[in-house]
Amino acid sequence: MSSDSEIQELRDELRSLRGEVDRLNAIEAVKRVKYKYWRSFDTADLEGMASVLHEDVFLSVEAGIYSMCYEGRDAYLQMVKEGAHADMISHHNGHHPEIDIVSENEAIGTWYLYDDLWEFRRGMRLFGTAFYRDRYVRENGEWKIRYSQFHRLYEIKEPLTERPDIQYHYLATHGFKHEGEANIEPFPKDTGYKHPPGEMPPFLDTK
């Protein structure tokens, strides 16, 4: 027969194991949120995108030809709608997730991104890598992106004078169609923009 101390030790081990399983489940749920984010962007799925964004989401971007911020889910969705448009190819692959569960309902994630944009009506191909730094919150059992920072590592712009021989193009029939056929406006660029200090743990912008 087990002693009281052995029974208590077993209970403690089960409690610890349950906590570790909960943590791993939360990490997997956060990963799925970001996977869905990129899938929704590249397929112009605004409903899917809305489902992973907190209503007060804040996006902060420091890059080469574009730097800006967006506040609130509606503004974010408008950016996605106009950004994943019918006259482009949008390609985002996220890798190497580092997810930290900092409390029962909050997590921080770091992702390594490769993106490749063929902007036919801006006359360029833009590609490079970046880190996303995200803060996630869980509300009513669902994880959402609450805050997101974009840190460029490199960015290359190439002129695109003619469209390649595309054999299939999903966004052409599912993305937002800008009026007319002329070139559309350049990406938004706030030349003095910097990530708001103190919102995230120190990263590349503080080194």
Protein backbone atom coordinates (compact mmCIF):
# COMPACT_ATOMS: atom_id res chain seq x y z
CA MET A 1 0.00 0.00 0.00
CA SER A 2 1.30 3.45 -0.90
CA SER A 3 2.06 5.89 1.85
CA ASP A 4 0.36 9.27 2.14
CA SER A 5 3.57 10.97 0.97
CA GLU A 6 3.73 8.76 -2.14
CA ILE A 7 0.09 9.51 -2.96
CA GLN A 8 0.74 13.22 -2.57
CA GLU A 9 3.82 12.98 -4.76
CA LEU A 10 1.77 11.26 -7.45
CA ARG A 11 -0.90 13.97 -7.23
CA ASP A 12 1.76 16.65 -7.57
CA GLU A 13 3.21 14.90 -10.62
CA LEU A 14 -0.22 14.64 -12.24
CA ARG A 15 -0.90 18.32 -11.54
CA SER A 16 2.45 19.26 -13.07
CA LEU A 17 1.80 17.04 -16.08
CA ARG A 18 -1.64 18.57 -16.57
CA GLY A 19 -0.09 22.04 -16.52
CA GLU A 20 2.52 21.04 -19.09
CA VAL A 21 -0.13 19.55 -21.38
CA ASP A 22 -2.17 22.75 -21.08
CA ARG A 23 0.92 24.81 -21.96
CA LEU A 24 1.69 22.68 -25.03
CA ASN A 25 -1.94 22.85 -26.16
CA ALA A 26 -1.82 26.65 -25.85
CA ILE A 27 1.39 26.81 -27.89
CA GLU A 28 -0.17 24.71 -30.64
CA ALA A 29 -3.30 26.88 -30.64
CA VAL A 30 -1.19 30.04 -30.98
CA LYS A 31 0.72 28.50 -33.90
CA ARG A 32 -2.54 27.71 -35.67
CA VAL A 33 -3.64 31.34 -35.27
CA LYS A 34 -0.55 32.61 -37.09
CA TYR A 35 -0.72 29.90 -39.75
CA LYS A 36 -4.29 30.92 -40.46
CA TYR A 37 -3.24 34.57 -40.54
CA TRP A 38 -0.82 34.01 -43.44
CA ARG A 39 -3.16 31.64 -45.26
CA SER A 40 -5.96 34.18 -44.99
CA PHE A 41 -3.74 36.99 -46.27
CA ASP A 42 -2.49 35.12 -49.33
CA THR A 43 -6.00 33.97 -50.26
CA ALA A 44 -7.74 37.31 -49.51
CA ASP A 45 -9.91 35.56 -46.92
CA LEU A 46 -11.15 38.52 -44.87
CA GLU A 47 -13.47 36.38 -42.76
CA GLY A 48 -10.61 34.08 -41.84
CA MET A 49 -8.36 37.04 -41.09
CA ALA A 50 -10.99 38.68 -38.89
CA SER A 51 -11.27 35.49 -36.83
CA VAL A 52 -7.62 35.67 -35.68
CA LEU A 53 -7.43 39.42 -34.95
CA HIS A 54 -8.40 41.06 -31.68
CA GLU A 55 -10.76 43.98 -32.21
CA ASP A 56 -8.09 46.32 -30.79
CA VAL A 57 -5.18 44.79 -32.70
CA PHE A 58 -2.18 47.03 -33.42
CA LEU A 59 0.24 46.38 -36.30
CA SER A 60 3.63 48.13 -36.31
CA VAL A 61 5.84 47.80 -39.40
CA GLU A 62 9.42 48.95 -40.00
CA ALA A 63 10.67 47.93 -43.42
CA GLY A 64 12.27 49.31 -46.58
CA ILE A 65 9.73 50.81 -48.97
CA TYR A 66 6.89 50.67 -46.44
CA SER A 67 6.70 51.57 -42.76
CA MET A 68 3.48 52.32 -40.95
CA CYS A 69 1.05 51.24 -38.27
CA TYR A 70 -2.60 50.21 -38.21
CA GLU A 71 -4.87 50.39 -35.18
CA GLY A 72 -7.99 48.27 -34.79
CA ARG A 73 -9.34 45.26 -36.63
CA ASP A 74 -11.33 47.26 -39.19
CA ALA A 75 -8.27 49.21 -40.33
CA TYR A 76 -6.23 46.00 -40.43
CA LEU A 77 -8.83 44.24 -42.56
CA GLN A 78 -9.00 47.16 -44.97
CA MET A 79 -5.22 46.93 -45.38
CA VAL A 80 -5.50 43.20 -46.11
CA LYS A 81 -8.37 43.76 -48.55
CA GLU A 82 -6.47 46.36 -50.58
CA GLY A 83 -3.11 44.65 -50.09
CA ALA A 84 -4.01 41.13 -51.26
CA HIS A 85 -5.52 42.38 -54.51
CA ALA A 86 -6.28 40.76 -57.85
CA ASP A 87 -3.28 42.19 -59.71
CA MET A 88 -0.56 40.64 -57.60
CA ILE A 89 0.88 37.39 -56.30
CA SER A 90 1.15 37.25 -52.51
CA HIS A 91 3.44 34.69 -50.89
CA HIS A 92 4.08 34.57 -47.12
CA ASN A 93 5.74 31.64 -45.37
CA GLY A 94 6.28 31.73 -41.60
CA HIS A 95 8.85 29.49 -39.94
CA HIS A 96 10.65 28.70 -36.67
CA PRO A 97 7.98 29.68 -34.14
CA GLU A 98 9.21 30.57 -30.66
CA ILE A 99 6.11 30.72 -28.48
CA ASP A 100 6.20 31.68 -24.81
CA ILE A 101 3.05 31.32 -22.70
CA VAL A 102 3.50 34.15 -20.22
CA SER A 103 0.21 33.69 -18.38
CA GLU A 104 -2.99 31.67 -18.66
CA ASN A 105 -4.38 34.04 -21.29
CA GLU A 106 -1.34 35.74 -22.82
CA ALA A 107 1.49 34.60 -25.09
CA ILE A 108 4.40 36.10 -27.02
CA GLY A 109 5.58 34.68 -30.33
CA THR A 110 8.55 35.24 -32.63
CA TRP A 111 8.32 34.06 -36.25
CA TYR A 112 10.77 34.08 -39.15
CA LEU A 113 9.05 35.22 -42.35
CA TYR A 114 9.89 34.89 -46.04
CA ASP A 115 7.66 37.04 -48.24
CA ASP A 116 7.57 37.47 -52.01
CA LEU A 117 5.19 39.95 -53.64
CA TRP A 118 4.71 40.29 -57.37
CA GLU A 119 3.03 43.69 -57.70
CA PHE A 120 1.97 43.94 -61.33
CA ARG A 121 0.29 47.34 -60.93
CA ARG A 122 3.17 48.76 -58.95
CA GLY A 123 5.67 47.46 -61.50
CA MET A 124 7.87 45.59 -59.06
CA ARG A 125 8.70 42.38 -57.30
CA LEU A 126 9.44 42.82 -53.59
CA PHE A 127 10.88 40.01 -51.51
CA GLY A 128 12.86 39.46 -48.35
CA THR A 129 12.81 38.12 -44.81
CA ALA A 130 11.61 39.53 -41.52
CA PHE A 131 10.77 38.68 -37.96
CA TYR A 132 7.26 39.01 -36.62
CA ARG A 133 6.96 39.67 -32.89
CA ASP A 134 3.40 39.07 -31.73
CA ARG A 135 1.46 39.33 -28.51
CA TYR A 136 -1.56 37.02 -28.26
CA VAL A 137 -4.45 37.08 -25.83
CA ARG A 138 -7.06 34.42 -25.12
CA GLU A 139 -10.66 35.55 -24.81
CA ASN A 140 -13.60 33.18 -24.46
CA GLY A 141 -11.25 30.29 -25.08
CA GLU A 142 -9.89 31.63 -28.40
CA TRP A 143 -6.42 33.05 -29.04
CA LYS A 144 -6.21 36.32 -30.99
CA ILE A 145 -3.40 38.54 -32.24
CA ARG A 146 -3.43 41.65 -30.04
CA TYR A 147 -0.17 43.33 -31.04
CA SER A 148 2.24 42.65 -33.91
CA GLN A 149 5.65 44.06 -34.83
CA PHE A 150 7.37 43.55 -38.18
CA HIS A 151 11.20 43.74 -38.26
CA ARG A 152 12.93 43.54 -41.65
CA LEU A 153 16.20 41.63 -42.09
CA TYR A 154 16.56 42.31 -45.82
CA GLU A 155 14.34 43.57 -48.62
CA ILE A 156 14.99 43.48 -52.36
CA LYS A 157 13.02 45.42 -54.97
CA GLU A 158 13.21 44.40 -58.63
CA PRO A 159 11.52 46.11 -61.59
CA LEU A 160 8.66 44.16 -63.13
CA THR A 161 8.07 45.41 -66.63
CA GLU A 162 5.76 42.64 -67.82
CA ARG A 163 3.69 39.89 -66.31
CA PRO A 164 5.13 36.38 -66.37
CA ASP A 165 3.27 33.57 -68.09
CA ILE A 166 1.06 32.67 -65.11
CA GLN A 167 -0.74 29.37 -65.50
CA TYR A 168 -2.95 29.73 -62.44
CA HIS A 169 -3.66 32.78 -60.28
CA TYR A 170 -6.02 32.44 -57.32
CA LEU A 171 -6.02 36.11 -56.30
CA ALA A 172 -7.01 37.16 -59.82
CA THR A 173 -10.51 35.86 -59.14
CA HIS A 174 -10.69 36.16 -55.34
CA GLY A 175 -8.74 39.31 -54.51
CA PHE A 176 -9.92 42.92 -54.40
CA LYS A 177 -9.90 44.59 -57.83
CA HIS A 178 -8.57 48.15 -57.82
CA GLU A 179 -10.31 50.45 -60.29
CA GLY A 180 -8.93 50.86 -63.79
CA GLU A 181 -5.69 49.47 -65.16
CA ALA A 182 -3.22 52.21 -64.28
CA ASN A 183 -0.56 51.79 -61.62
CA ILE A 184 -1.86 51.99 -58.07
CA GLU A 185 -0.38 54.13 -55.32
CA PRO A 186 2.94 53.17 -53.71
CA PHE A 187 3.01 51.37 -50.39
CA PRO A 188 2.48 53.67 -47.39
CA LYS A 189 5.80 54.94 -46.04
CA ASP A 190 6.20 56.99 -42.86
CA THR A 191 9.91 57.72 -43.08
CA GLY A 192 10.21 58.61 -39.41
CA TYR A 193 8.16 55.74 -38.04
CA LYS A 194 9.58 53.59 -35.23
CA HIS A 195 8.05 50.79 -33.19
CA PRO A 196 6.42 52.18 -30.05
CA PRO A 197 8.85 51.63 -27.15
CA GLY A 198 7.96 49.31 -24.31
CA GLU A 199 5.23 47.38 -26.10
CA MET A 200 7.32 44.23 -26.54
CA PRO A 201 10.44 42.76 -24.92
CA PRO A 202 13.72 44.10 -26.40
CA PHE A 203 14.48 42.87 -29.90
CA LEU A 204 16.31 43.99 -33.06
CA ASP A 205 15.00 47.56 -32.87
CA THR A 206 16.71 48.08 -29.50
CA LYS A 207 20.16 46.81 -30.59
